[in-house]
Protein backbone atom coordinates (compact mmCIF):
# COMPACT_ATOMS: atom_id res chain seq x y z
CA UNK A 1 102.61 -46.90 110.09
CA UNK A 2 102.61 -50.23 107.95
CA UNK A 3 105.88 -51.36 109.80
CA UNK A 4 108.35 -54.14 108.59
CA UNK A 5 105.19 -55.51 106.93
CA UNK A 6 106.26 -57.23 103.58
CA UNK A 7 105.17 -54.68 101.02
CA UNK A 8 105.08 -57.07 98.03
CA UNK A 9 105.66 -60.62 96.68
CA UNK A 10 109.01 -61.75 95.37
CA UNK A 11 107.66 -61.13 91.80
CA UNK A 12 105.37 -58.41 90.54
CA UNK A 13 101.63 -58.83 91.75
CA UNK A 14 98.81 -59.63 89.76
CA UNK A 15 96.66 -57.09 88.61
CA UNK A 16 93.99 -57.40 90.54
CA UNK A 17 90.04 -56.88 88.59
CA UNK A 18 87.41 -55.99 91.28
CA UNK A 19 83.94 -58.90 90.69
CA UNK A 20 81.99 -58.21 93.92
CA UNK A 21 81.94 -56.47 97.20
CA UNK A 22 81.87 -59.49 99.84
CA UNK A 23 81.79 -57.45 103.19
CA UNK A 24 82.41 -53.96 104.39
CA UNK A 25 83.46 -52.87 108.23
CA UNK A 26 84.71 -49.69 109.90
CA UNK A 27 88.43 -51.02 109.24
CA UNK A 28 88.19 -52.27 105.44
CA UNK A 29 86.49 -53.48 102.26
CA UNK A 30 86.93 -57.13 101.04
CA UNK A 31 86.50 -57.55 97.21
CA UNK A 32 86.56 -61.01 95.26
CA UNK A 33 88.23 -60.50 91.85
CA UNK A 34 90.67 -61.86 89.41
CA UNK A 35 93.82 -61.22 87.79
CA UNK A 36 93.73 -59.64 84.39
CA UNK A 37 95.92 -61.88 82.95
CA UNK A 38 94.42 -64.58 83.84
CA UNK A 39 90.60 -64.79 84.56
CA UNK A 40 90.55 -68.07 86.27
CA UNK A 41 92.99 -67.02 89.07
CA UNK A 42 90.85 -65.73 91.75
CA UNK A 43 92.01 -63.23 93.94
CA UNK A 44 90.55 -61.29 97.23
CA UNK A 45 91.52 -57.64 98.17
CA UNK A 46 91.53 -56.21 102.04
CA UNK A 47 90.91 -52.58 100.03
CA UNK A 48 91.77 -50.09 103.07
CA UNK A 49 91.16 -46.68 100.90
CA UNK A 50 88.10 -44.69 101.94
CA UNK A 51 88.09 -45.86 105.87
CA UNK A 52 86.71 -43.16 107.98
CA UNK A 53 89.37 -41.26 109.58
CA UNK A 54 89.00 -42.19 113.24
CA UNK A 55 89.86 -46.52 111.90
CA UNK A 56 92.40 -45.30 109.47
CA UNK A 57 95.20 -45.30 111.44
CA UNK A 58 94.17 -49.11 112.96
CA UNK A 59 93.00 -50.64 109.67
CA UNK A 60 96.56 -50.32 108.04
CA UNK A 61 97.78 -51.71 111.80
CA UNK A 62 95.82 -54.64 111.49
CA UNK A 63 96.92 -54.96 107.89
CA UNK A 64 100.15 -54.98 108.07
CA UNK A 65 100.19 -57.36 110.63
CA UNK A 66 97.80 -59.75 108.59
CA UNK A 67 100.24 -59.23 105.98
CA UNK A 68 103.39 -60.31 108.55
CA UNK A 69 101.49 -63.43 109.32
CA UNK A 70 100.71 -64.39 105.76
CA UNK A 71 103.89 -64.37 104.65
CA UNK A 72 105.09 -66.54 107.26
CA UNK A 73 102.28 -69.11 106.65
CA UNK A 74 103.39 -69.18 102.87
CA UNK A 75 102.52 -72.47 101.31
CA UNK A 76 100.90 -74.39 104.42
CA UNK A 77 97.88 -76.22 102.96
CA UNK A 78 94.72 -74.78 103.83
CA UNK A 79 96.21 -70.70 104.39
CA UNK A 80 95.97 -68.05 101.90
CA UNK A 81 98.95 -67.18 99.42
CA UNK A 82 99.87 -63.76 100.68
CA UNK A 83 100.63 -61.49 96.94
CA UNK A 84 101.04 -58.20 97.90
CA UNK A 85 100.71 -55.33 100.47
CA UNK A 86 101.46 -51.47 100.10
CA UNK A 87 99.50 -49.80 102.56
CA UNK A 88 96.55 -49.38 100.96
CA UNK A 89 95.67 -52.88 100.22
CA UNK A 90 96.23 -56.17 101.00
CA UNK A 91 96.06 -59.05 98.13
CA UNK A 92 95.99 -62.79 98.40
CA UNK A 93 95.00 -65.51 96.59
CA UNK A 94 91.11 -66.57 96.85
CA UNK A 95 90.57 -69.19 98.89
CA UNK A 96 87.59 -71.82 97.96
CA UNK A 97 85.42 -72.93 100.64
CA UNK A 98 82.12 -72.87 102.40
CA UNK A 99 82.31 -71.14 106.09
CA UNK A 100 81.73 -73.55 108.84
CA UNK A 101 78.58 -72.33 109.77
CA UNK A 102 77.52 -73.52 106.32
CA UNK A 103 79.50 -76.51 105.64
CA UNK A 104 78.61 -77.60 109.30
CA UNK A 105 81.18 -80.66 109.01
CA UNK A 106 80.67 -83.64 110.69
CA UNK A 107 83.32 -85.60 109.18
CA UNK A 108 86.20 -86.64 111.57
CA UNK A 109 88.57 -86.17 108.63
CA UNK A 110 87.83 -82.33 108.55
CA UNK A 111 88.75 -82.00 112.23
CA UNK A 112 91.85 -84.00 112.06
CA UNK A 113 93.04 -81.78 109.21
CA UNK A 114 92.50 -78.63 111.00
CA UNK A 115 94.36 -79.85 114.16
CA UNK A 116 97.06 -80.30 111.12
CA UNK A 117 96.80 -76.96 109.56
CA UNK A 118 97.28 -75.23 113.47
CA UNK A 119 100.02 -77.47 114.40
CA UNK A 120 101.96 -76.36 110.65
CA UNK A 121 101.21 -72.35 111.62
CA UNK A 122 102.50 -73.15 115.47
CA UNK A 123 105.84 -74.17 113.56
CA UNK A 124 105.81 -71.19 112.05
CA UNK A 125 105.56 -69.10 115.15
CA UNK A 126 101.93 -67.85 114.21
CA UNK A 127 98.79 -68.07 116.15
CA UNK A 128 95.62 -66.75 114.74
CA UNK A 129 93.83 -65.24 117.32
CA UNK A 130 90.39 -65.15 115.73
CA UNK A 131 89.47 -68.59 115.24
CA UNK A 132 85.87 -68.14 117.76
CA UNK A 133 84.19 -66.77 114.35
CA UNK A 134 82.96 -70.14 112.70
CA UNK A 135 83.35 -67.56 109.19
CA UNK A 136 87.19 -67.52 109.46
CA UNK A 137 86.99 -71.23 109.48
CA UNK A 138 86.21 -72.81 105.68
CA UNK A 139 85.88 -76.50 104.66
CA UNK A 140 87.20 -76.83 100.93
CA UNK A 141 85.63 -78.61 97.92
CA UNK A 142 87.70 -81.53 98.85
CA UNK A 143 87.25 -81.74 102.58
CA UNK A 144 90.24 -79.88 103.87
CA UNK A 145 90.35 -77.42 106.19
CA UNK A 146 91.30 -73.57 105.53
CA UNK A 147 91.34 -70.52 107.54
CA UNK A 148 90.70 -66.87 106.62
CA UNK A 149 91.18 -63.13 107.71
CA UNK A 150 94.56 -62.77 109.99
CA UNK A 151 93.69 -59.59 110.88
CA UNK A 152 94.10 -60.41 114.70
CA UNK A 153 97.26 -62.96 113.78
CA UNK A 154 100.24 -62.51 115.16
CA UNK A 155 103.90 -63.77 114.51
CA UNK A 156 105.35 -64.31 117.42
CA UNK A 157 109.53 -64.09 117.75
CA UNK A 158 110.04 -65.76 120.75
CA UNK A 159 107.84 -69.17 121.56
CA UNK A 160 107.27 -68.01 125.36
CA UNK A 161 104.19 -68.33 127.66
CA UNK A 162 102.37 -65.69 125.58
CA UNK A 163 102.84 -67.86 122.58
CA UNK A 164 102.02 -70.60 124.41
CA UNK A 165 98.55 -69.66 125.33
CA UNK A 166 97.38 -68.26 122.12
CA UNK A 167 98.58 -71.03 120.52
CA UNK A 168 96.28 -72.93 122.98
CA UNK A 169 93.39 -70.75 122.36
CA UNK A 170 93.61 -71.09 118.84
CA UNK A 171 93.11 -74.83 119.57
CA UNK A 172 90.38 -74.71 121.88
CA UNK A 173 88.50 -72.59 119.90
CA UNK A 174 88.39 -75.09 117.27
CA UNK A 175 87.42 -77.76 119.81
CA UNK A 176 84.10 -75.37 120.38
CA UNK A 177 83.35 -75.74 116.61
CA UNK A 178 84.20 -79.58 116.66
CA UNK A 179 81.32 -79.39 120.07
CA UNK A 180 78.76 -77.37 118.07
CA UNK A 181 78.96 -79.26 114.53
CA UNK A 182 80.64 -83.04 115.57
CA UNK A 183 80.02 -83.37 119.58
CA UNK A 184 79.31 -87.30 119.33
CA UNK A 185 83.03 -87.58 117.52
CA UNK A 186 84.39 -85.77 120.55
CA UNK A 187 86.79 -87.17 123.22
CA UNK A 188 86.50 -86.72 126.55
CA UNK A 189 90.39 -84.67 126.41
CA UNK A 190 88.26 -82.76 123.33
CA UNK A 191 85.31 -81.96 125.23
CA UNK A 192 87.28 -80.67 128.20
CA UNK A 193 89.76 -78.66 126.45
CA UNK A 194 86.77 -76.89 124.71
CA UNK A 195 85.66 -75.65 128.06
CA UNK A 196 88.42 -74.89 129.36
CA UNK A 197 89.27 -70.98 128.89
CA UNK A 198 92.99 -69.82 130.06
CA UNK A 199 93.36 -67.18 131.71
CA UNK A 200 93.76 -64.43 129.79
CA UNK A 201 90.64 -65.76 128.17
CA UNK A 202 88.73 -65.17 131.51
CA UNK A 203 90.04 -61.86 132.10
CA UNK A 204 89.36 -60.69 128.68
CA UNK A 205 85.36 -61.74 128.96
CA UNK A 206 85.76 -60.23 132.40
CA UNK A 207 86.81 -57.15 131.29
CA UNK A 208 88.32 -56.01 127.89
CA UNK A 209 85.44 -57.74 126.34
CA UNK A 210 82.83 -54.84 127.71
CA UNK A 211 84.80 -52.61 126.05
CA UNK A 212 85.22 -53.78 122.86
CA UNK A 213 81.54 -54.17 122.77
CA UNK A 214 81.39 -50.78 123.70
CA UNK A 215 82.99 -49.14 120.84
CA UNK A 216 82.19 -51.98 118.33
CA UNK A 217 77.98 -51.56 119.10
CA UNK A 218 77.97 -48.04 120.49
CA UNK A 219 80.47 -46.15 118.74
CA UNK A 220 80.88 -47.61 115.56
CA UNK A 221 76.99 -49.05 115.02
CA UNK A 222 77.12 -52.46 115.53
CA UNK A 223 73.60 -53.27 116.35
CA UNK A 224 72.19 -54.99 119.75
CA UNK A 225 70.49 -57.79 120.86
CA UNK A 226 67.35 -55.72 120.61
CA UNK A 227 64.30 -57.65 119.14
CA UNK A 228 66.34 -61.37 118.92
CA UNK A 229 62.96 -62.87 118.46
CA UNK A 230 60.44 -64.46 115.52
CA UNK A 231 60.61 -60.95 113.60
CA UNK A 232 59.42 -62.38 110.01
CA UNK A 233 56.43 -63.85 111.90
CA UNK A 234 55.92 -61.20 114.51
CA UNK A 235 56.35 -58.22 112.28
CA UNK A 236 56.69 -59.36 108.39
CA UNK A 237 52.91 -59.49 107.35
CA UNK A 238 52.50 -56.02 108.82
CA UNK A 239 55.69 -54.46 107.25
CA UNK A 240 55.12 -56.11 103.65
CA UNK A 241 51.46 -54.58 103.68
CA UNK A 242 52.99 -51.19 104.28
CA UNK A 243 55.33 -51.76 101.16
CA UNK A 244 52.81 -52.81 98.98
CA UNK A 245 50.46 -49.34 99.96
CA UNK A 246 52.65 -47.62 97.75
CA UNK A 247 51.21 -47.70 94.16
CA UNK A 248 55.15 -47.53 92.72
CA UNK A 249 55.94 -50.63 94.77
CA UNK A 250 54.85 -53.49 92.43
CA UNK A 251 55.93 -56.50 94.78
CA UNK A 252 57.41 -57.11 98.38
CA UNK A 253 59.44 -59.47 99.85
CA UNK A 254 60.97 -59.48 103.40
CA UNK A 255 63.73 -61.70 104.93
CA UNK A 256 65.84 -61.43 108.34
CA UNK A 257 69.95 -61.66 108.59
CA UNK A 258 71.82 -61.81 111.83
CA UNK A 259 72.51 -58.60 113.10
CA UNK A 260 76.44 -58.24 114.23
CA UNK A 261 75.85 -57.75 117.48
CA UNK A 262 73.15 -60.55 117.87
CA UNK A 263 69.43 -60.63 116.88
CA UNK A 264 67.59 -60.61 113.68
CA UNK A 265 67.67 -57.98 111.57
CA UNK A 266 64.96 -57.49 108.70
CA UNK A 267 65.57 -56.91 105.00
CA UNK A 268 62.65 -55.68 102.53
CA UNK A 269 63.29 -56.19 98.78
CA UNK A 270 60.75 -53.62 97.26
CA UNK A 271 60.06 -54.42 93.11
CA UNK A 272 60.48 -50.60 91.87
CA UNK A 273 61.72 -48.35 89.62
CA UNK A 274 62.53 -45.98 92.86
CA UNK A 275 65.95 -45.29 93.96
CA UNK A 276 67.01 -46.30 97.62
CA UNK A 277 67.42 -43.00 98.56
CA UNK A 278 63.91 -42.49 97.28
CA UNK A 279 62.09 -45.71 99.18
CA UNK A 280 64.04 -44.28 102.61
CA UNK A 281 61.95 -41.46 101.82
CA UNK A 282 58.96 -42.72 100.87
CA UNK A 283 59.25 -44.58 104.53
CA UNK A 284 61.19 -43.26 107.02
CA UNK A 285 59.59 -44.82 109.96
CA UNK A 286 60.19 -48.22 108.62
CA UNK A 287 61.07 -50.81 110.66
CA UNK A 288 63.43 -52.88 108.17
CA UNK A 289 66.60 -52.18 108.82
CA UNK A 290 67.75 -52.78 105.15
CA UNK A 291 65.49 -51.63 101.96
CA UNK A 292 66.67 -52.50 98.75
CA UNK A 293 65.08 -51.86 95.28
CA UNK A 294 65.11 -53.97 92.46
CA UNK A 295 64.27 -54.35 89.06
CA UNK A 296 62.55 -57.55 89.46
CA UNK A 297 62.43 -60.41 92.07
CA UNK A 298 63.63 -63.95 91.36
CA UNK A 299 60.46 -65.40 91.11
CA UNK A 300 59.77 -69.73 90.91
CA UNK A 301 58.09 -71.44 88.17
CA UNK A 302 54.75 -70.36 89.86
CA UNK A 303 55.79 -66.98 90.03
CA UNK A 304 56.13 -66.60 93.61
CA UNK A 305 59.22 -64.45 95.10
CA UNK A 306 62.09 -67.04 95.65
CA UNK A 307 62.35 -66.09 99.07
CA UNK A 308 65.27 -68.73 99.46
CA UNK A 309 67.54 -66.57 97.00
CA UNK A 310 66.68 -63.39 98.73
CA UNK A 311 67.02 -64.87 102.47
CA UNK A 312 71.04 -65.73 101.14
CA UNK A 313 71.13 -62.49 100.02
CA UNK A 314 69.70 -60.99 103.08
CA UNK A 315 72.28 -62.66 105.68
CA UNK A 316 75.18 -61.58 102.46
CA UNK A 317 75.92 -65.73 102.27
CA UNK A 318 77.45 -64.99 98.96
CA UNK A 319 79.46 -68.46 99.05
CA UNK A 320 76.17 -70.55 98.76
CA UNK A 321 74.48 -68.15 96.10
CA UNK A 322 77.10 -68.55 94.07
CA UNK A 323 77.56 -72.37 94.11
CA UNK A 324 73.95 -72.13 93.22
CA UNK A 325 74.52 -69.84 90.04
CA UNK A 326 77.50 -72.08 89.22
CA UNK A 327 75.08 -74.57 88.14
CA UNK A 328 72.62 -72.25 86.70
CA UNK A 329 73.95 -68.95 84.39
CA UNK A 330 70.47 -68.28 83.96
CA UNK A 331 70.04 -67.49 87.56
CA UNK A 332 73.18 -65.86 87.52
CA UNK A 333 72.12 -63.12 85.15
CA UNK A 334 69.01 -62.83 87.37
CA UNK A 335 70.62 -62.38 90.73
CA UNK A 336 73.92 -60.56 89.20
CA UNK A 337 71.96 -56.71 89.69
CA UNK A 338 70.75 -57.67 92.74
CA UNK A 339 73.77 -59.06 94.45
CA UNK A 340 75.46 -55.69 92.77
CA UNK A 341 73.46 -52.97 94.96
CA UNK A 342 73.08 -55.34 98.31
CA UNK A 343 73.31 -53.54 101.18
CA UNK A 344 74.05 -55.98 104.06
CA UNK A 345 77.64 -56.44 103.62
CA UNK A 346 78.48 -57.36 107.23
CA UNK A 347 79.75 -61.58 107.86
CA UNK A 348 79.28 -61.20 111.54
CA UNK A 349 77.65 -64.81 112.51
CA UNK A 350 74.96 -65.29 115.11
CA UNK A 351 76.54 -67.92 117.67
């Protein structure tokens, strides 16, 4: 199933020690961690074990493609360093940076570096093919561009028409990001490039995308667009009161998060000694999609729940929480048990 994907790095791979689950879907679980022999060496593992039977074969095939692409782009600044692939997991170096939807770079230098990155990938015959998602672009701490998640990437043996079309789409998606976050800096040519889909892209939008949406949202149970309005304002107060009506729930907070298929979901935090299963049995008809019990809600100096932090947890914006925690060790210790048991592990951005 893994084909001729590289099975390992030239040297023995690091021994991975897991720190936190970052996201989970039907095709893998992404876990951050470190090297057992060097805790400062941060790693990322795409785990393939424990997947549902219907997606296992496809997940391994995608991981094999990713391993080949990562091996091909090895050494390019802004791409992950491939370490090991054995059919059950893909190990790479951790890439430090903030996803584009949070970093929102307005500096022209970042977009120049992103174009440099795409050029170097093209020279190696690699196209990414999933750069429409802003979370696959990163702004690194030193202001440079990086890309992650090479599951759909392709190593082209020939530089024919298909290769050129894929490379064009990678560049067009970069221009769309620039149009979203730094439109004032775009040239007329870049604006035209962002708007002009290739013929396969237009065909996909008209045909294949519909099948993709059916599979991802209906068969794999990603959400649809129902309830895309201001759910927190419309439903939040009543749902908050619903939680507090139970004597074993001492306090509660509700946040929103972007649902994978679009629209807003509701995420409830209940300060209680009940388990998650007990909470669901207690509230079987609640409209809160995710309901997480916590021993203690994080609070500000006045004793009010920290809705800013809880909103980041609900949206799975772990990168921003980590940056805050680095500056405040006490906050890191307070949030650790909440992060460890959070239930939203998606990384889908609401465009």
